[in-house]
Amino acid sequence: MWDIVEQGRKLFRHGREDFQAAVQAASDCPAFREDVEEEWVTDEARSCYNCRFRRWTPDSFLCQAAAG
């Protein structure tokens, strides 16, 4: 589900439109924190696409919770 990139950060390998995989990854993540609703991308609240720790890249996002 993840590729490890520079400085050990996790890049979501499914891109910006695999809503099913984003929900699955968030359900398995103990660090998930819901972002403010204005920043949501999908109606499914518990999704990596709606996590306050995700930082968008041109093709996907990096998980900042893993950077800690």
N, C-alpha and C. Protein backbone atom coordinates (compact mmCIF):
# COMPACT_ATOMS: atom_id res chain seq x y z
N MET A 1 0.81 -1.19 0.00
CA MET A 1 0.00 0.00 0.00
C MET A 1 0.86 1.26 0.00
N TRP A 2 2.11 1.13 0.48
CA TRP A 2 3.01 2.28 0.61
C TRP A 2 4.35 2.01 -0.05
N ASP A 3 4.95 3.07 -0.58
CA ASP A 3 6.33 3.05 -1.04
C ASP A 3 7.13 3.92 -0.08
N ILE A 4 8.28 3.46 0.32
CA ILE A 4 9.15 4.25 1.19
C ILE A 4 10.03 5.10 0.29
N VAL A 5 9.98 6.41 0.51
CA VAL A 5 10.73 7.35 -0.33
C VAL A 5 11.75 8.10 0.53
N GLU A 6 12.27 9.20 0.04
CA GLU A 6 13.33 9.93 0.72
C GLU A 6 13.04 10.13 2.20
N GLN A 7 14.07 10.00 2.98
CA GLN A 7 14.03 10.18 4.43
C GLN A 7 13.04 9.24 5.12
N GLY A 8 12.77 8.11 4.49
CA GLY A 8 11.91 7.10 5.09
C GLY A 8 10.43 7.44 5.11
N ARG A 9 10.03 8.45 4.38
CA ARG A 9 8.60 8.83 4.36
C ARG A 9 7.81 7.86 3.52
N LYS A 10 6.52 7.75 3.82
CA LYS A 10 5.64 6.82 3.13
C LYS A 10 4.81 7.55 2.07
N LEU A 11 4.89 7.04 0.83
CA LEU A 11 4.12 7.56 -0.29
C LEU A 11 3.03 6.54 -0.61
N PHE A 12 1.78 7.01 -0.66
CA PHE A 12 0.65 6.14 -0.98
C PHE A 12 0.75 5.72 -2.43
N ARG A 13 0.92 4.42 -2.68
CA ARG A 13 1.20 3.96 -4.04
C ARG A 13 -0.04 3.89 -4.93
N HIS A 14 -1.22 4.12 -4.39
CA HIS A 14 -2.45 3.99 -5.16
C HIS A 14 -2.95 5.30 -5.76
N GLY A 15 -2.20 6.38 -5.58
CA GLY A 15 -2.55 7.64 -6.20
C GLY A 15 -3.67 8.38 -5.50
N ARG A 16 -4.31 9.27 -6.25
CA ARG A 16 -5.31 10.17 -5.70
C ARG A 16 -6.75 9.69 -5.85
N GLU A 17 -6.96 8.57 -6.52
CA GLU A 17 -8.34 8.17 -6.80
C GLU A 17 -8.68 6.73 -6.47
N ASP A 18 -7.92 6.10 -5.60
CA ASP A 18 -8.27 4.74 -5.16
C ASP A 18 -8.92 4.85 -3.79
N PHE A 19 -10.19 5.21 -3.80
CA PHE A 19 -10.92 5.50 -2.58
C PHE A 19 -11.00 4.29 -1.66
N GLN A 20 -11.16 3.12 -2.22
CA GLN A 20 -11.22 1.87 -1.43
C GLN A 20 -9.92 1.64 -0.67
N ALA A 21 -8.79 1.78 -1.35
CA ALA A 21 -7.48 1.56 -0.72
C ALA A 21 -7.22 2.61 0.36
N ALA A 22 -7.66 3.84 0.14
CA ALA A 22 -7.45 4.90 1.13
C ALA A 22 -8.27 4.64 2.39
N VAL A 23 -9.46 4.11 2.24
CA VAL A 23 -10.28 3.74 3.40
C VAL A 23 -9.62 2.58 4.15
N GLN A 24 -9.15 1.59 3.43
CA GLN A 24 -8.49 0.43 4.06
C GLN A 24 -7.24 0.85 4.82
N ALA A 25 -6.43 1.69 4.21
CA ALA A 25 -5.20 2.14 4.86
C ALA A 25 -5.52 2.93 6.13
N ALA A 26 -6.52 3.77 6.09
CA ALA A 26 -6.90 4.56 7.27
C ALA A 26 -7.46 3.67 8.38
N SER A 27 -8.20 2.63 8.00
CA SER A 27 -8.77 1.75 9.02
C SER A 27 -7.68 0.95 9.74
N ASP A 28 -6.55 0.75 9.09
CA ASP A 28 -5.42 0.02 9.67
C ASP A 28 -4.42 0.94 10.39
N CYS A 29 -4.68 2.24 10.39
CA CYS A 29 -3.69 3.21 10.87
C CYS A 29 -4.03 3.74 12.27
N PRO A 30 -3.17 3.47 13.25
CA PRO A 30 -3.42 4.00 14.60
C PRO A 30 -3.18 5.50 14.70
N ALA A 31 -2.47 6.10 13.73
CA ALA A 31 -2.16 7.53 13.77
C ALA A 31 -3.21 8.38 13.06
N PHE A 32 -4.21 7.76 12.43
CA PHE A 32 -5.20 8.52 11.66
C PHE A 32 -5.87 9.58 12.53
N ARG A 33 -5.94 10.80 12.00
CA ARG A 33 -6.68 11.89 12.62
C ARG A 33 -7.46 12.60 11.52
N GLU A 34 -8.74 12.73 11.73
CA GLU A 34 -9.62 13.37 10.75
C GLU A 34 -9.22 14.84 10.58
N ASP A 35 -9.12 15.27 9.34
CA ASP A 35 -8.84 16.67 9.03
C ASP A 35 -10.12 17.48 9.21
N VAL A 36 -10.02 18.80 9.17
CA VAL A 36 -11.23 19.62 9.23
C VAL A 36 -12.07 19.33 7.99
N GLU A 37 -13.37 19.36 8.16
CA GLU A 37 -14.28 18.93 7.09
C GLU A 37 -14.09 19.72 5.79
N GLU A 38 -13.68 20.96 5.87
CA GLU A 38 -13.47 21.77 4.66
C GLU A 38 -12.34 21.22 3.79
N GLU A 39 -11.46 20.42 4.38
CA GLU A 39 -10.33 19.84 3.65
C GLU A 39 -10.60 18.42 3.17
N TRP A 40 -11.77 17.88 3.46
CA TRP A 40 -12.10 16.52 3.04
C TRP A 40 -12.16 16.40 1.52
N VAL A 41 -11.77 15.24 1.04
CA VAL A 41 -11.79 14.94 -0.39
C VAL A 41 -12.93 13.97 -0.72
N THR A 42 -13.31 13.17 0.26
CA THR A 42 -14.33 12.14 0.06
C THR A 42 -15.33 12.19 1.20
N ASP A 43 -16.51 11.64 0.98
CA ASP A 43 -17.55 11.61 2.02
C ASP A 43 -17.25 10.62 3.13
N GLU A 44 -16.39 9.66 2.86
CA GLU A 44 -16.00 8.67 3.86
C GLU A 44 -15.04 9.33 4.86
N ALA A 45 -15.49 9.54 6.09
CA ALA A 45 -14.68 10.29 7.06
C ALA A 45 -13.32 9.64 7.33
N ARG A 46 -13.32 8.34 7.58
CA ARG A 46 -12.05 7.66 7.88
C ARG A 46 -11.43 7.15 6.59
N SER A 47 -10.67 8.03 5.97
CA SER A 47 -9.97 7.76 4.72
C SER A 47 -8.66 8.53 4.76
N CYS A 48 -7.61 7.96 4.25
CA CYS A 48 -6.34 8.69 4.20
C CYS A 48 -6.49 10.01 3.44
N TYR A 49 -7.41 10.05 2.50
CA TYR A 49 -7.64 11.28 1.75
C TYR A 49 -8.18 12.39 2.64
N ASN A 50 -8.73 12.04 3.80
CA ASN A 50 -9.28 13.02 4.73
C ASN A 50 -8.46 13.13 6.02
N CYS A 51 -7.25 12.62 6.01
CA CYS A 51 -6.42 12.63 7.22
C CYS A 51 -5.63 13.93 7.32
N ARG A 52 -5.52 14.46 8.52
CA ARG A 52 -4.77 15.71 8.70
C ARG A 52 -3.27 15.53 8.47
N PHE A 53 -2.77 14.28 8.45
CA PHE A 53 -1.35 14.03 8.25
C PHE A 53 -0.95 13.81 6.79
N ARG A 54 -1.89 13.83 5.87
CA ARG A 54 -1.53 13.62 4.46
C ARG A 54 -1.11 14.95 3.83
N ARG A 55 -0.09 14.85 3.00
CA ARG A 55 0.40 16.01 2.24
C ARG A 55 0.42 15.62 0.78
N TRP A 56 -0.34 16.35 -0.02
CA TRP A 56 -0.49 16.01 -1.43
C TRP A 56 0.80 16.17 -2.20
N THR A 57 0.98 15.27 -3.15
CA THR A 57 2.05 15.34 -4.15
C THR A 57 1.33 15.45 -5.50
N PRO A 58 2.05 15.65 -6.59
CA PRO A 58 1.36 15.72 -7.88
C PRO A 58 0.52 14.50 -8.22
N ASP A 59 0.96 13.31 -7.78
CA ASP A 59 0.26 12.09 -8.16
C ASP A 59 -0.41 11.34 -7.00
N SER A 60 -0.08 11.69 -5.76
CA SER A 60 -0.59 10.94 -4.62
C SER A 60 -0.48 11.80 -3.36
N PHE A 61 -0.04 11.20 -2.24
CA PHE A 61 0.23 11.96 -1.02
C PHE A 61 1.28 11.23 -0.19
N LEU A 62 1.93 12.00 0.67
CA LEU A 62 2.87 11.47 1.65
C LEU A 62 2.18 11.43 3.01
N CYS A 63 2.46 10.41 3.77
CA CYS A 63 1.94 10.29 5.13
C CYS A 63 2.91 10.97 6.07
N GLN A 64 2.53 12.09 6.65
CA GLN A 64 3.38 12.82 7.58
C GLN A 64 3.38 12.20 8.96
N ALA A 65 2.39 11.40 9.31
CA ALA A 65 2.36 10.72 10.61
C ALA A 65 3.55 9.79 10.73
N ALA A 66 3.97 9.20 9.63
CA ALA A 66 5.09 8.26 9.62
C ALA A 66 6.43 8.98 9.71
N ALA A 67 6.45 10.27 9.40
CA ALA A 67 7.70 11.02 9.37
C ALA A 67 8.23 11.29 10.77
N GLY A 68 7.31 11.26 11.78
CA GLY A 68 7.63 11.64 13.14
C GLY A 68 8.73 10.92 13.75
